């Protein structure tokens, strides 16, 4: 999910995607700790995507307050 997709999505869609990504990240970390996960870069990409989604949601909240 890139920035353009994030900006086009509604709040509810972003919250659903956020919950899904957090669950996927948790599963990746669990696999990494057990030694089954080899694509370490995907963890970084997932974390950054989560941060982008949270940033966009925060911007929308602050935009509504102004």
C-alpha atoms as a PDB file:
ATOM      1  CA  UNK A   1       0.000   0.000   0.000  1.00  0.00           C
ATOM      2  CA  UNK A   2       1.598   3.250  -1.113  1.00  0.00           C
ATOM      3  CA  UNK A   3       0.945   6.824  -0.031  1.00  0.00           C
ATOM      4  CA  UNK A   4      -1.550   7.493  -2.827  1.00  0.00           C
ATOM      5  CA  UNK A   5      -3.665   4.518  -1.752  1.00  0.00           C
ATOM      6  CA  UNK A   6      -3.484   5.612   1.860  1.00  0.00           C
ATOM      7  CA  UNK A   7      -4.669   9.139   1.048  1.00  0.00           C
ATOM      8  CA  UNK A   8      -7.568   7.851  -1.093  1.00  0.00           C
ATOM      9  CA  UNK A   9      -8.845   5.384   1.513  1.00  0.00           C
ATOM     10  CA  UNK A  10     -11.541   6.198   4.028  1.00  0.00           C
ATOM     11  CA  UNK A  11     -10.932   6.188   7.777  1.00  0.00           C
ATOM     12  CA  UNK A  12     -12.698   2.866   8.291  1.00  0.00           C
ATOM     13  CA  UNK A  13     -10.736   1.228   5.477  1.00  0.00           C
ATOM     14  CA  UNK A  14      -7.486   2.506   6.953  1.00  0.00           C
ATOM     15  CA  UNK A  15      -8.396   1.220  10.401  1.00  0.00           C
ATOM     16  CA  UNK A  16      -9.209  -2.215   8.970  1.00  0.00           C
ATOM     17  CA  UNK A  17      -5.949  -2.330   7.014  1.00  0.00           C
ATOM     18  CA  UNK A  18      -4.072  -1.143  10.094  1.00  0.00           C
ATOM     19  CA  UNK A  19      -5.480  -3.963  12.211  1.00  0.00           C
ATOM     20  CA  UNK A  20      -4.599  -6.492   9.515  1.00  0.00           C
ATOM     21  CA  UNK A  21      -1.049  -5.181   9.129  1.00  0.00           C
ATOM     22  CA  UNK A  22      -0.478  -5.186  12.891  1.00  0.00           C
ATOM     23  CA  UNK A  23      -1.584  -8.812  13.073  1.00  0.00           C
ATOM     24  CA  UNK A  24       0.662  -9.726  10.127  1.00  0.00           C
ATOM     25  CA  UNK A  25       3.592  -7.932  11.772  1.00  0.00           C
ATOM     26  CA  UNK A  26       2.991  -9.827  15.000  1.00  0.00           C
ATOM     27  CA  UNK A  27       3.010 -13.122  13.101  1.00  0.00           C
ATOM     28  CA  UNK A  28       6.200 -12.132  11.257  1.00  0.00           C
ATOM     29  CA  UNK A  29       7.965 -11.300  14.521  1.00  0.00           C
ATOM     30  CA  UNK A  30       6.874 -14.599  16.014  1.00  0.00           C
ATOM     31  CA  UNK A  31       8.200 -16.514  13.001  1.00  0.00           C
ATOM     32  CA  UNK A  32      11.430 -14.520  13.099  1.00  0.00           C
ATOM     33  CA  UNK A  33      12.040 -15.388  16.734  1.00  0.00           C
ATOM     34  CA  UNK A  34      11.467 -19.076  16.041  1.00  0.00           C
ATOM     35  CA  UNK A  35      13.824 -18.957  13.052  1.00  0.00           C
ATOM     36  CA  UNK A  36      11.234 -19.736  10.375  1.00  0.00           C
ATOM     37  CA  UNK A  37      11.165 -16.272   8.803  1.00  0.00           C
ATOM     38  CA  UNK A  38      13.881 -15.277   6.340  1.00  0.00           C
ATOM     39  CA  UNK A  39      12.453 -12.120   4.711  1.00  0.00           C
ATOM     40  CA  UNK A  40      13.516  -9.638   7.375  1.00  0.00           C
ATOM     41  CA  UNK A  41      13.049  -6.671   5.032  1.00  0.00           C
ATOM     42  CA  UNK A  42       9.296  -7.314   4.947  1.00  0.00           C
ATOM     43  CA  UNK A  43       9.123  -6.515   8.662  1.00  0.00           C
ATOM     44  CA  UNK A  44      10.668  -3.096   8.056  1.00  0.00           C
ATOM     45  CA  UNK A  45       8.336  -2.400   5.121  1.00  0.00           C
ATOM     46  CA  UNK A  46       5.283  -3.450   7.155  1.00  0.00           C
ATOM     47  CA  UNK A  47       6.341  -1.238  10.092  1.00  0.00           C
ATOM     48  CA  UNK A  48       6.795   1.770   7.823  1.00  0.00           C
ATOM     49  CA  UNK A  49       3.433   1.205   6.166  1.00  0.00           C
ATOM     50  CA  UNK A  50       1.785   1.054   9.594  1.00  0.00           C
ATOM     51  CA  UNK A  51       3.493   4.338  10.473  1.00  0.00           C
ATOM     52  CA  UNK A  52       2.241   5.945   7.249  1.00  0.00           C
ATOM     53  CA  UNK A  53      -1.321   4.855   7.988  1.00  0.00           C
ATOM     54  CA  UNK A  54      -1.152   6.153  11.564  1.00  0.00           C
ATOM     55  CA  UNK A  55       0.300   9.446  10.327  1.00  0.00           C
ATOM     56  CA  UNK A  56      -2.488   9.897   7.784  1.00  0.00           C
ATOM     57  CA  UNK A  57      -5.159   9.131  10.388  1.00  0.00           C
ATOM     58  CA  UNK A  58      -3.554  11.626  12.759  1.00  0.00           C
ATOM     59  CA  UNK A  59      -3.443  14.304  10.053  1.00  0.00           C
ATOM     60  CA  UNK A  60      -7.121  13.763   9.327  1.00  0.00           C
ATOM     61  CA  UNK A  61      -8.053  14.141  12.999  1.00  0.00           C
ATOM     62  CA  UNK A  62      -6.053  17.361  13.333  1.00  0.00           C
ATOM     63  CA  UNK A  63      -7.459  18.667  10.057  1.00  0.00           C
ATOM     64  CA  UNK A  64     -11.022  18.189  11.358  1.00  0.00           C
ATOM     65  CA  UNK A  65     -10.229  20.031  14.587  1.00  0.00           C
ATOM     66  CA  UNK A  66      -8.964  23.141  12.802  1.00  0.00           C
END
